[in-house]
Amino acid sequence: MTYDLFAALVLFAFVTSITPGPNNMMLMASGANFGIRRTVPHMLGVALGFVIMALVVGAGLVQVFDAYPVSYTVLKVVSVTYLLWLAWKIATAAGIDGRKTGAKPMTFLQAVAFQWVNPKAWTMAVGAITAYAPSQTMGSIAAVAVIFGMVNLPTVGSWTVIGQQMARFLNTPGRMVLFNRVMAGLLVASLVPVIWS
């Protein structure tokens, strides 16, 4: 990989990872509700889950969508349905007493699996592999996936830190419930481009 291609990939990975999307909204909500330490498995699951997804997409999963276009529509419906359910769970979270009522942050494996129903992750994976691994060799695909994962982890972590810092101002049940509802609304809003495409 040339220096120019590497620099362009790092910039693409940074911009697509740092901008709002389902992962970042959920990580910010988790940071506010559970703190950084309890959200670390979620952050690691997002980063590693995306690396795995990019490898699988690069290995030929995109060709399945090309051969069977209905499979993309099915994935889209499942993704939107699941994300709407997650938005509902966030909107109805218990607020600052959530830790006492059995609420739990997303686990590492749940975050890895979530990438497969995250429309933004699909767009990022397909775009990264198509643009930055044009030779489609496993070496170039692996390089893109690993570089993306290395950029992705600190960027998604920043959303967790923002959420954790916001928790200081969300010190009443009403404020935390309002925050959770706003986060749920933003998660739903992040689906608008997916629904209309």
N, C-alpha and C. Protein backbone atom coordinates (compact mmCIF):
# COMPACT_ATOMS: atom_id res chain seq x y z
N MET A 1 0.85 -1.18 0.00
CA MET A 1 0.00 0.00 0.00
C MET A 1 0.89 1.24 0.00
N THR A 2 0.64 2.12 -0.92
CA THR A 2 1.43 3.35 -1.02
C THR A 2 1.08 4.29 0.14
N TYR A 3 1.98 5.24 0.39
CA TYR A 3 1.75 6.21 1.46
C TYR A 3 0.46 7.00 1.20
N ASP A 4 0.24 7.42 -0.05
CA ASP A 4 -0.97 8.20 -0.38
C ASP A 4 -2.23 7.40 -0.10
N LEU A 5 -2.24 6.12 -0.49
CA LEU A 5 -3.40 5.27 -0.25
C LEU A 5 -3.61 5.04 1.23
N PHE A 6 -2.50 4.83 1.96
CA PHE A 6 -2.57 4.65 3.42
C PHE A 6 -3.15 5.88 4.09
N ALA A 7 -2.65 7.06 3.73
CA ALA A 7 -3.14 8.31 4.33
C ALA A 7 -4.62 8.52 4.02
N ALA A 8 -5.03 8.22 2.79
CA ALA A 8 -6.43 8.37 2.42
C ALA A 8 -7.31 7.39 3.21
N LEU A 9 -6.83 6.16 3.40
CA LEU A 9 -7.58 5.17 4.17
C LEU A 9 -7.73 5.60 5.62
N VAL A 10 -6.65 6.09 6.22
CA VAL A 10 -6.72 6.55 7.62
C VAL A 10 -7.72 7.69 7.74
N LEU A 11 -7.70 8.63 6.81
CA LEU A 11 -8.65 9.74 6.84
C LEU A 11 -10.09 9.23 6.68
N PHE A 12 -10.30 8.32 5.73
CA PHE A 12 -11.63 7.74 5.52
C PHE A 12 -12.10 7.01 6.78
N ALA A 13 -11.21 6.22 7.38
CA ALA A 13 -11.56 5.49 8.60
C ALA A 13 -11.90 6.44 9.73
N PHE A 14 -11.12 7.51 9.87
CA PHE A 14 -11.37 8.48 10.94
C PHE A 14 -12.71 9.17 10.75
N VAL A 15 -12.95 9.68 9.57
CA VAL A 15 -14.19 10.43 9.33
C VAL A 15 -15.42 9.55 9.49
N THR A 16 -15.38 8.34 8.93
CA THR A 16 -16.55 7.48 9.03
C THR A 16 -16.74 6.91 10.44
N SER A 17 -15.66 6.76 11.20
CA SER A 17 -15.76 6.21 12.55
C SER A 17 -16.17 7.26 13.57
N ILE A 18 -15.76 8.52 13.38
CA ILE A 18 -16.01 9.56 14.38
C ILE A 18 -17.38 10.21 14.22
N THR A 19 -17.96 10.13 13.03
CA THR A 19 -19.25 10.78 12.80
C THR A 19 -20.37 9.98 13.47
N PRO A 20 -21.48 10.65 13.79
CA PRO A 20 -22.57 9.97 14.48
C PRO A 20 -23.13 8.80 13.68
N GLY A 21 -23.51 7.79 14.38
CA GLY A 21 -24.11 6.60 13.81
C GLY A 21 -24.59 5.71 14.95
N PRO A 22 -25.18 4.58 14.65
CA PRO A 22 -25.71 3.72 15.71
C PRO A 22 -24.68 3.33 16.77
N ASN A 23 -23.48 2.92 16.36
CA ASN A 23 -22.47 2.54 17.36
C ASN A 23 -22.15 3.70 18.28
N ASN A 24 -21.91 4.88 17.71
CA ASN A 24 -21.50 6.02 18.52
C ASN A 24 -22.61 6.51 19.44
N MET A 25 -23.84 6.49 18.98
CA MET A 25 -24.95 6.90 19.84
C MET A 25 -25.09 5.94 21.02
N MET A 26 -24.97 4.63 20.74
CA MET A 26 -25.11 3.64 21.81
C MET A 26 -23.93 3.70 22.78
N LEU A 27 -22.72 3.96 22.27
CA LEU A 27 -21.56 4.08 23.15
C LEU A 27 -21.65 5.32 24.03
N MET A 28 -22.14 6.42 23.49
CA MET A 28 -22.29 7.61 24.31
C MET A 28 -23.33 7.37 25.40
N ALA A 29 -24.43 6.73 25.04
CA ALA A 29 -25.45 6.41 26.05
C ALA A 29 -24.90 5.45 27.10
N SER A 30 -24.11 4.47 26.67
CA SER A 30 -23.53 3.52 27.61
C SER A 30 -22.52 4.21 28.53
N GLY A 31 -21.70 5.10 27.97
CA GLY A 31 -20.76 5.85 28.78
C GLY A 31 -21.46 6.67 29.85
N ALA A 32 -22.58 7.29 29.49
CA ALA A 32 -23.33 8.09 30.45
C ALA A 32 -24.01 7.22 31.51
N ASN A 33 -24.54 6.08 31.09
CA ASN A 33 -25.29 5.23 32.01
C ASN A 33 -24.42 4.30 32.85
N PHE A 34 -23.29 3.84 32.28
CA PHE A 34 -22.50 2.80 32.96
C PHE A 34 -21.04 3.18 33.19
N GLY A 35 -20.57 4.27 32.61
CA GLY A 35 -19.18 4.66 32.77
C GLY A 35 -18.28 3.99 31.75
N ILE A 36 -17.02 4.44 31.73
CA ILE A 36 -16.07 3.95 30.73
C ILE A 36 -15.71 2.49 30.97
N ARG A 37 -15.34 2.14 32.20
CA ARG A 37 -14.85 0.79 32.48
C ARG A 37 -15.85 -0.27 32.07
N ARG A 38 -17.12 -0.07 32.38
CA ARG A 38 -18.13 -1.08 32.04
C ARG A 38 -18.49 -1.07 30.56
N THR A 39 -18.09 -0.01 29.84
CA THR A 39 -18.38 0.09 28.41
C THR A 39 -17.21 -0.41 27.55
N VAL A 40 -16.05 -0.68 28.16
CA VAL A 40 -14.88 -1.13 27.39
C VAL A 40 -15.19 -2.38 26.54
N PRO A 41 -15.86 -3.42 27.07
CA PRO A 41 -16.16 -4.57 26.20
C PRO A 41 -16.99 -4.19 24.97
N HIS A 42 -17.90 -3.26 25.13
CA HIS A 42 -18.71 -2.77 24.01
C HIS A 42 -17.81 -2.09 22.98
N MET A 43 -16.90 -1.23 23.44
CA MET A 43 -15.99 -0.54 22.51
C MET A 43 -15.11 -1.54 21.76
N LEU A 44 -14.55 -2.50 22.49
CA LEU A 44 -13.70 -3.51 21.84
C LEU A 44 -14.49 -4.35 20.85
N GLY A 45 -15.74 -4.66 21.20
CA GLY A 45 -16.59 -5.42 20.30
C GLY A 45 -16.90 -4.68 19.01
N VAL A 46 -17.09 -3.37 19.11
CA VAL A 46 -17.32 -2.56 17.90
C VAL A 46 -16.09 -2.60 17.00
N ALA A 47 -14.92 -2.35 17.58
CA ALA A 47 -13.69 -2.30 16.77
C ALA A 47 -13.36 -3.66 16.15
N LEU A 48 -13.36 -4.72 16.96
CA LEU A 48 -13.02 -6.04 16.42
C LEU A 48 -14.13 -6.57 15.51
N GLY A 49 -15.36 -6.29 15.88
CA GLY A 49 -16.49 -6.72 15.04
C GLY A 49 -16.41 -6.12 13.65
N PHE A 50 -15.98 -4.85 13.58
CA PHE A 50 -15.86 -4.23 12.27
C PHE A 50 -14.71 -4.84 11.47
N VAL A 51 -13.60 -5.14 12.14
CA VAL A 51 -12.47 -5.77 11.45
C VAL A 51 -12.91 -7.11 10.84
N ILE A 52 -13.62 -7.90 11.63
CA ILE A 52 -14.11 -9.20 11.14
C ILE A 52 -15.06 -8.99 9.96
N MET A 53 -15.95 -8.03 10.10
CA MET A 53 -16.91 -7.75 9.04
C MET A 53 -16.20 -7.34 7.75
N ALA A 54 -15.21 -6.46 7.85
CA ALA A 54 -14.48 -6.01 6.66
C ALA A 54 -13.76 -7.18 6.00
N LEU A 55 -13.20 -8.08 6.79
CA LEU A 55 -12.52 -9.26 6.23
C LEU A 55 -13.50 -10.15 5.47
N VAL A 56 -14.67 -10.38 6.08
CA VAL A 56 -15.66 -11.24 5.44
C VAL A 56 -16.24 -10.58 4.19
N VAL A 57 -16.51 -9.28 4.28
CA VAL A 57 -17.02 -8.55 3.12
C VAL A 57 -15.99 -8.61 1.99
N GLY A 58 -14.72 -8.38 2.33
CA GLY A 58 -13.67 -8.42 1.33
C GLY A 58 -13.46 -9.80 0.73
N ALA A 59 -13.75 -10.83 1.52
CA ALA A 59 -13.57 -12.21 1.04
C ALA A 59 -14.67 -12.65 0.09
N GLY A 60 -15.70 -11.81 -0.09
CA GLY A 60 -16.68 -12.15 -1.12
C GLY A 60 -18.14 -12.04 -0.76
N LEU A 61 -18.46 -11.59 0.45
CA LEU A 61 -19.87 -11.50 0.83
C LEU A 61 -20.62 -10.50 -0.04
N VAL A 62 -19.93 -9.46 -0.49
CA VAL A 62 -20.59 -8.46 -1.36
C VAL A 62 -21.10 -9.12 -2.63
N GLN A 63 -20.40 -10.12 -3.11
CA GLN A 63 -20.83 -10.82 -4.32
C GLN A 63 -22.17 -11.53 -4.11
N VAL A 64 -22.44 -11.95 -2.87
CA VAL A 64 -23.74 -12.57 -2.57
C VAL A 64 -24.85 -11.55 -2.78
N PHE A 65 -24.62 -10.31 -2.31
CA PHE A 65 -25.62 -9.26 -2.48
C PHE A 65 -25.81 -8.92 -3.96
N ASP A 66 -24.72 -8.96 -4.72
CA ASP A 66 -24.83 -8.70 -6.16
C ASP A 66 -25.63 -9.81 -6.85
N ALA A 67 -25.38 -11.05 -6.45
CA ALA A 67 -26.06 -12.19 -7.07
C ALA A 67 -27.52 -12.31 -6.63
N TYR A 68 -27.79 -11.96 -5.38
CA TYR A 68 -29.14 -12.08 -4.82
C TYR A 68 -29.55 -10.75 -4.19
N PRO A 69 -30.00 -9.79 -4.98
CA PRO A 69 -30.34 -8.45 -4.47
C PRO A 69 -31.37 -8.46 -3.34
N VAL A 70 -32.26 -9.44 -3.33
CA VAL A 70 -33.26 -9.51 -2.27
C VAL A 70 -32.61 -9.71 -0.90
N SER A 71 -31.42 -10.31 -0.87
CA SER A 71 -30.74 -10.52 0.41
C SER A 71 -30.37 -9.18 1.05
N TYR A 72 -30.06 -8.18 0.24
CA TYR A 72 -29.76 -6.86 0.77
C TYR A 72 -31.01 -6.23 1.38
N THR A 73 -32.14 -6.41 0.73
CA THR A 73 -33.40 -5.87 1.25
C THR A 73 -33.76 -6.54 2.58
N VAL A 74 -33.57 -7.85 2.65
CA VAL A 74 -33.84 -8.58 3.90
C VAL A 74 -32.94 -8.05 5.01
N LEU A 75 -31.64 -7.89 4.72
CA LEU A 75 -30.70 -7.36 5.71
C LEU A 75 -31.13 -5.98 6.18
N LYS A 76 -31.56 -5.15 5.25
CA LYS A 76 -31.98 -3.79 5.58
C LYS A 76 -33.19 -3.80 6.53
N VAL A 77 -34.18 -4.64 6.24
CA VAL A 77 -35.37 -4.73 7.08
C VAL A 77 -35.01 -5.23 8.48
N VAL A 78 -34.18 -6.27 8.55
CA VAL A 78 -33.77 -6.81 9.84
C VAL A 78 -32.98 -5.77 10.62
N SER A 79 -32.07 -5.07 9.95
CA SER A 79 -31.25 -4.05 10.60
C SER A 79 -32.10 -2.93 11.18
N VAL A 80 -32.99 -2.39 10.38
CA VAL A 80 -33.83 -1.28 10.84
C VAL A 80 -34.72 -1.73 11.99
N THR A 81 -35.30 -2.91 11.88
CA THR A 81 -36.16 -3.43 12.96
C THR A 81 -35.39 -3.56 14.26
N TYR A 82 -34.19 -4.15 14.18
CA TYR A 82 -33.37 -4.34 15.38
C TYR A 82 -32.96 -3.00 15.98
N LEU A 83 -32.56 -2.06 15.15
CA LEU A 83 -32.14 -0.75 15.66
C LEU A 83 -33.31 0.02 16.27
N LEU A 84 -34.50 -0.14 15.71
CA LEU A 84 -35.67 0.50 16.34
C LEU A 84 -35.95 -0.12 17.70
N TRP A 85 -35.77 -1.43 17.83
CA TRP A 85 -35.93 -2.09 19.13
C TRP A 85 -34.90 -1.56 20.13
N LEU A 86 -33.63 -1.42 19.67
CA LEU A 86 -32.60 -0.88 20.56
C LEU A 86 -32.92 0.55 20.97
N ALA A 87 -33.42 1.35 20.05
CA ALA A 87 -33.81 2.72 20.38
C ALA A 87 -34.90 2.73 21.45
N TRP A 88 -35.83 1.81 21.33
CA TRP A 88 -36.89 1.69 22.34
C TRP A 88 -36.29 1.34 23.70
N LYS A 89 -35.33 0.41 23.72
CA LYS A 89 -34.69 0.01 24.98
C LYS A 89 -33.96 1.19 25.61
N ILE A 90 -33.29 1.99 24.78
CA ILE A 90 -32.58 3.16 25.30
C ILE A 90 -33.57 4.20 25.81
N ALA A 91 -34.64 4.44 25.05
CA ALA A 91 -35.63 5.45 25.43
C ALA A 91 -36.35 5.09 26.73
N THR A 92 -36.49 3.82 27.00
CA THR A 92 -37.21 3.40 28.21
C THR A 92 -36.26 2.96 29.33
N ALA A 93 -34.96 3.30 29.20
CA ALA A 93 -33.99 2.96 30.25
C ALA A 93 -34.37 3.67 31.54
N ALA A 94 -33.94 3.09 32.63
CA ALA A 94 -34.38 3.55 33.95
C ALA A 94 -33.73 4.82 34.45
N GLY A 95 -32.82 5.39 33.72
CA GLY A 95 -32.16 6.61 34.18
C GLY A 95 -31.02 6.28 35.13
N ILE A 96 -30.71 7.17 36.05
CA ILE A 96 -29.54 6.97 36.89
C ILE A 96 -29.67 5.80 37.83
N ASP A 97 -30.87 5.30 38.04
CA ASP A 97 -31.02 4.12 38.88
C ASP A 97 -30.94 2.83 38.08
N GLY A 98 -30.61 2.94 36.78
CA GLY A 98 -30.55 1.77 35.91
C GLY A 98 -29.56 0.74 36.40
N ARG A 99 -28.48 1.17 37.04
CA ARG A 99 -27.49 0.21 37.53
C ARG A 99 -28.08 -0.65 38.64
N LYS A 100 -29.03 -0.10 39.37
CA LYS A 100 -29.63 -0.84 40.47
C LYS A 100 -30.77 -1.73 40.01
N THR A 101 -31.30 -1.49 38.83
CA THR A 101 -32.45 -2.26 38.37
C THR A 101 -32.06 -3.39 37.43
N GLY A 102 -30.78 -3.70 37.33
CA GLY A 102 -30.35 -4.82 36.51
C GLY A 102 -29.99 -4.45 35.09
N ALA A 103 -30.02 -3.16 34.72
CA ALA A 103 -29.61 -2.76 33.38
C ALA A 103 -28.14 -3.07 33.20
N LYS A 104 -27.76 -3.51 31.99
CA LYS A 104 -26.38 -3.88 31.72
C LYS A 104 -25.93 -3.26 30.40
N PRO A 105 -24.64 -2.93 30.34
CA PRO A 105 -24.11 -2.45 29.05
C PRO A 105 -24.02 -3.60 28.06
N MET A 106 -23.89 -3.28 26.79
CA MET A 106 -23.74 -4.29 25.75
C MET A 106 -22.44 -5.06 26.00
N THR A 107 -22.46 -6.37 25.82
CA THR A 107 -21.27 -7.19 26.00
C THR A 107 -20.39 -7.14 24.76
N PHE A 108 -19.18 -7.67 24.89
CA PHE A 108 -18.25 -7.74 23.77
C PHE A 108 -18.87 -8.50 22.59
N LEU A 109 -19.41 -9.69 22.84
CA LEU A 109 -19.98 -10.50 21.76
C LEU A 109 -21.22 -9.86 21.15
N GLN A 110 -22.04 -9.21 21.98
CA GLN A 110 -23.20 -8.51 21.44
C GLN A 110 -22.76 -7.38 20.51
N ALA A 111 -21.70 -6.67 20.89
CA ALA A 111 -21.20 -5.57 20.05
C ALA A 111 -20.60 -6.10 18.75
N VAL A 112 -19.89 -7.25 18.82
CA VAL A 112 -19.36 -7.86 17.60
C VAL A 112 -20.51 -8.22 16.68
N ALA A 113 -21.52 -8.89 17.22
CA ALA A 113 -22.67 -9.32 16.41
C ALA A 113 -23.47 -8.13 15.88
N PHE A 114 -23.51 -7.05 16.65
CA PHE A 114 -24.29 -5.88 16.25
C PHE A 114 -23.80 -5.30 14.93
N GLN A 115 -22.50 -5.42 14.64
CA GLN A 115 -21.98 -4.85 13.41
C GLN A 115 -22.69 -5.41 12.18
N TRP A 116 -23.18 -6.64 12.27
CA TRP A 116 -23.82 -7.29 11.13
C TRP A 116 -25.21 -6.77 10.85
N VAL A 117 -25.80 -6.02 11.79
CA VAL A 117 -27.11 -5.41 11.54
C VAL A 117 -27.02 -3.88 11.57
N ASN A 118 -25.81 -3.35 11.56
CA ASN A 118 -25.60 -1.92 11.59
C ASN A 118 -25.41 -1.40 10.16
N PRO A 119 -26.38 -0.68 9.62
CA PRO A 119 -26.28 -0.21 8.23
C PRO A 119 -25.05 0.65 7.97
N LYS A 120 -24.68 1.48 8.94
CA LYS A 120 -23.49 2.34 8.74
C LYS A 120 -22.24 1.46 8.64
N ALA A 121 -22.14 0.41 9.46
CA ALA A 121 -20.97 -0.47 9.40
C ALA A 121 -20.88 -1.17 8.04
N TRP A 122 -22.03 -1.59 7.51
CA TRP A 122 -22.03 -2.21 6.17
C TRP A 122 -21.52 -1.24 5.12
N THR A 123 -22.00 0.00 5.17
CA THR A 123 -21.58 1.01 4.20
C THR A 123 -20.08 1.28 4.32
N MET A 124 -19.59 1.37 5.57
CA MET A 124 -18.17 1.62 5.79
C MET A 124 -17.33 0.45 5.28
N ALA A 125 -17.75 -0.78 5.57
CA ALA A 125 -16.97 -1.96 5.17
C ALA A 125 -16.90 -2.08 3.65
N VAL A 126 -18.05 -1.96 3.01
CA VAL A 126 -18.08 -2.07 1.54
C VAL A 126 -17.26 -0.94 0.92
N GLY A 127 -17.44 0.28 1.41
CA GLY A 127 -16.69 1.42 0.88
C GLY A 127 -15.19 1.28 1.06
N ALA A 128 -14.77 0.84 2.25
CA ALA A 128 -13.34 0.69 2.53
C ALA A 128 -12.70 -0.37 1.65
N ILE A 129 -13.35 -1.51 1.55
CA ILE A 129 -12.78 -2.60 0.75
C ILE A 129 -12.76 -2.23 -0.73
N THR A 130 -13.83 -1.65 -1.20
CA THR A 130 -13.92 -1.28 -2.62
C THR A 130 -12.90 -0.21 -2.99
N ALA A 131 -12.76 0.81 -2.15
CA ALA A 131 -11.89 1.93 -2.49
C ALA A 131 -10.42 1.69 -2.17
N TYR A 132 -10.13 0.96 -1.09
CA TYR A 132 -8.75 0.88 -0.60
C TYR A 132 -8.10 -0.50 -0.73
N ALA A 133 -8.85 -1.48 -1.21
CA ALA A 133 -8.27 -2.81 -1.49
C ALA A 133 -8.68 -3.21 -2.90
N PRO A 134 -8.35 -2.37 -3.90
CA PRO A 134 -8.83 -2.64 -5.26
C PRO A 134 -8.32 -3.95 -5.84
N SER A 135 -7.16 -4.42 -5.37
CA SER A 135 -6.63 -5.68 -5.90
C SER A 135 -7.40 -6.89 -5.37
N GLN A 136 -8.15 -6.67 -4.28
CA GLN A 136 -8.98 -7.71 -3.67
C GLN A 136 -8.16 -8.94 -3.24
N THR A 137 -6.86 -8.77 -2.98
CA THR A 137 -6.09 -9.88 -2.42
C THR A 137 -6.35 -9.91 -0.92
N MET A 138 -6.19 -11.08 -0.31
CA MET A 138 -6.44 -11.18 1.13
C MET A 138 -5.48 -10.29 1.92
N GLY A 139 -4.26 -10.10 1.39
CA GLY A 139 -3.31 -9.21 2.07
C GLY A 139 -3.80 -7.78 2.10
N SER A 140 -4.29 -7.29 0.96
CA SER A 140 -4.77 -5.90 0.92
C SER A 140 -6.06 -5.74 1.72
N ILE A 141 -6.91 -6.76 1.69
CA ILE A 141 -8.15 -6.72 2.47
C ILE A 141 -7.84 -6.71 3.96
N ALA A 142 -6.90 -7.57 4.38
CA ALA A 142 -6.52 -7.62 5.79
C ALA A 142 -5.90 -6.31 6.24
N ALA A 143 -5.07 -5.71 5.38
CA ALA A 143 -4.44 -4.42 5.73
C ALA A 143 -5.50 -3.35 5.94
N VAL A 144 -6.49 -3.29 5.05
CA VAL A 144 -7.57 -2.31 5.19
C VAL A 144 -8.33 -2.56 6.49
N ALA A 145 -8.67 -3.81 6.77
CA ALA A 145 -9.44 -4.14 7.96
C ALA A 145 -8.68 -3.77 9.24
N VAL A 146 -7.41 -4.12 9.30
CA VAL A 146 -6.62 -3.85 10.51
C VAL A 146 -6.41 -2.35 10.72
N ILE A 147 -6.07 -1.64 9.64
CA ILE A 147 -5.88 -0.19 9.76
C ILE A 147 -7.18 0.46 10.21
N PHE A 148 -8.30 0.01 9.63
CA PHE A 148 -9.60 0.57 10.02
C PHE A 148 -9.87 0.32 11.50
N GLY A 149 -9.61 -0.90 11.96
CA GLY A 149 -9.82 -1.23 13.37
C GLY A 149 -8.97 -0.39 14.30
N MET A 150 -7.73 -0.13 13.91
CA MET A 150 -6.83 0.67 14.75
C MET A 150 -7.30 2.12 14.85
N VAL A 151 -7.89 2.64 13.80
CA VAL A 151 -8.42 4.01 13.83
C VAL A 151 -9.77 4.02 14.54
N ASN A 152 -10.55 2.98 14.33
CA ASN A 152 -11.91 2.91 14.85
C ASN A 152 -11.96 2.89 16.38
N LEU A 153 -11.09 2.13 17.03
CA LEU A 153 -11.16 1.98 18.48
C LEU A 153 -11.05 3.30 19.24
N PRO A 154 -10.04 4.13 18.97
CA PRO A 154 -10.00 5.40 19.72
C PRO A 154 -11.14 6.36 19.36
N THR A 155 -11.62 6.30 18.12
CA THR A 155 -12.70 7.22 17.77
C THR A 155 -14.00 6.83 18.46
N VAL A 156 -14.32 5.54 18.48
CA VAL A 156 -15.55 5.14 19.18
C VAL A 156 -15.39 5.32 20.68
N GLY A 157 -14.14 5.15 21.15
CA GLY A 157 -13.88 5.39 22.57
C GLY A 157 -14.15 6.83 22.97
N SER A 158 -13.91 7.75 22.05
CA SER A 158 -14.15 9.17 22.37
C SER A 158 -15.62 9.42 22.66
N TRP A 159 -16.51 8.70 21.97
CA TRP A 159 -17.95 8.86 22.23
C TRP A 159 -18.31 8.35 23.62
N THR A 160 -17.65 7.29 24.06
CA THR A 160 -17.88 6.77 25.41
C THR A 160 -17.43 7.79 26.45
N VAL A 161 -16.28 8.40 26.22
CA VAL A 161 -15.76 9.41 27.14
C VAL A 161 -16.71 10.61 27.20
N ILE A 162 -17.21 11.04 26.05
CA ILE A 162 -18.17 12.15 26.04
C ILE A 162 -19.39 11.79 26.88
N GLY A 163 -19.92 10.58 26.69
CA GLY A 163 -21.07 10.16 27.48
C GLY A 163 -20.77 10.11 28.96
N GLN A 164 -19.59 9.58 29.31
CA GLN A 164 -19.20 9.49 30.72
C GLN A 164 -19.06 10.89 31.33
N GLN A 165 -18.50 11.82 30.58
CA GLN A 165 -18.35 13.19 31.07
C GLN A 165 -19.72 13.87 31.22
N MET A 166 -20.62 13.55 30.33
CA MET A 166 -21.97 14.13 30.41
C MET A 166 -22.72 13.64 31.64
N ALA A 167 -22.34 12.47 32.14
CA ALA A 167 -23.04 11.89 33.29
C ALA A 167 -23.00 12.82 34.50
N ARG A 168 -21.97 13.67 34.59
CA ARG A 168 -21.89 14.62 35.71
C ARG A 168 -23.06 15.60 35.70
N PHE A 169 -23.54 15.90 34.51
CA PHE A 169 -24.66 16.84 34.38
C PHE A 169 -26.00 16.11 34.35
N LEU A 170 -25.95 14.81 34.26
CA LEU A 170 -27.17 14.01 34.19
C LEU A 170 -27.41 13.33 35.54
N ASN A 171 -27.30 14.11 36.59
CA ASN A 171 -27.31 13.56 37.94
C ASN A 171 -28.69 13.50 38.59
N THR A 172 -29.73 13.69 37.81
CA THR A 172 -31.08 13.50 38.32
C THR A 172 -31.80 12.51 37.40
N PRO A 173 -32.77 11.78 37.94
CA PRO A 173 -33.49 10.82 37.08
C PRO A 173 -34.11 11.48 35.86
N GLY A 174 -34.66 12.67 36.01
CA GLY A 174 -35.31 13.35 34.88
C GLY A 174 -34.33 13.69 33.77
N ARG A 175 -33.15 14.19 34.14
CA ARG A 175 -32.16 14.53 33.13
C ARG A 175 -31.66 13.28 32.39
N MET A 176 -31.41 12.20 33.14
CA MET A 176 -30.92 10.99 32.51
C MET A 176 -31.97 10.38 31.59
N VAL A 177 -33.22 10.40 32.01
CA VAL A 177 -34.30 9.88 31.15
C VAL A 177 -34.39 10.72 29.88
N LEU A 178 -34.31 12.05 30.03
CA LEU A 178 -34.34 12.93 28.85
C LEU A 178 -33.16 12.62 27.93
N PHE A 179 -31.96 12.48 28.51
CA PHE A 179 -30.77 12.16 27.72
C PHE A 179 -30.97 10.85 26.95
N ASN A 180 -31.47 9.83 27.64
CA ASN A 180 -31.68 8.53 26.98
C ASN A 180 -32.69 8.65 25.85
N ARG A 181 -33.71 9.46 26.05
CA ARG A 181 -34.71 9.63 24.99
C ARG A 181 -34.13 10.40 23.80
N VAL A 182 -33.30 11.38 24.07
CA VAL A 182 -32.63 12.11 22.97
C VAL A 182 -31.71 11.16 22.21
N MET A 183 -30.95 10.32 22.96
CA MET A 183 -30.05 9.35 22.30
C MET A 183 -30.85 8.37 21.45
N ALA A 184 -31.99 7.93 21.96
CA ALA A 184 -32.85 7.02 21.18
C ALA A 184 -33.36 7.72 19.92
N GLY A 185 -33.74 8.99 20.05
CA GLY A 185 -34.20 9.75 18.89
C GLY A 185 -33.10 9.92 17.85
N LEU A 186 -31.87 10.17 18.31
CA LEU A 186 -30.74 10.30 17.38
C LEU A 186 -30.44 8.97 16.71
N LEU A 187 -30.59 7.88 17.44
CA LEU A 187 -30.38 6.56 16.84
C LEU A 187 -31.40 6.32 15.73
N VAL A 188 -32.66 6.66 16.01
CA VAL A 188 -33.70 6.53 14.98
C VAL A 188 -33.40 7.46 13.80
N ALA A 189 -32.96 8.69 14.10
CA ALA A 189 -32.64 9.63 13.02
C ALA A 189 -31.52 9.11 12.13
N SER A 190 -30.57 8.36 12.73
CA SER A 190 -29.46 7.83 11.94
C SER A 190 -29.93 6.77 10.94
N LEU A 191 -31.17 6.29 11.10
CA LEU A 191 -31.72 5.29 10.20
C LEU A 191 -32.41 5.91 8.98
N VAL A 192 -32.70 7.21 9.03
CA VAL A 192 -33.45 7.84 7.94
C VAL A 192 -32.79 7.62 6.58
N PRO A 193 -31.46 7.83 6.45
CA PRO A 193 -30.86 7.59 5.13
C PRO A 193 -30.98 6.12 4.69
N VAL A 194 -30.94 5.21 5.63
CA VAL A 194 -31.06 3.78 5.30
C VAL A 194 -32.46 3.47 4.80
N ILE A 195 -33.46 4.00 5.49
CA ILE A 195 -34.85 3.72 5.12
C ILE A 195 -35.17 4.29 3.75
N TRP A 196 -34.66 5.50 3.46
CA TRP A 196 -34.99 6.16 2.20
C TRP A 196 -34.14 5.70 1.02
N SER A 197 -33.05 4.95 1.29
CA SER A 197 -32.20 4.52 0.16
C SER A 197 -32.77 3.29 -0.52
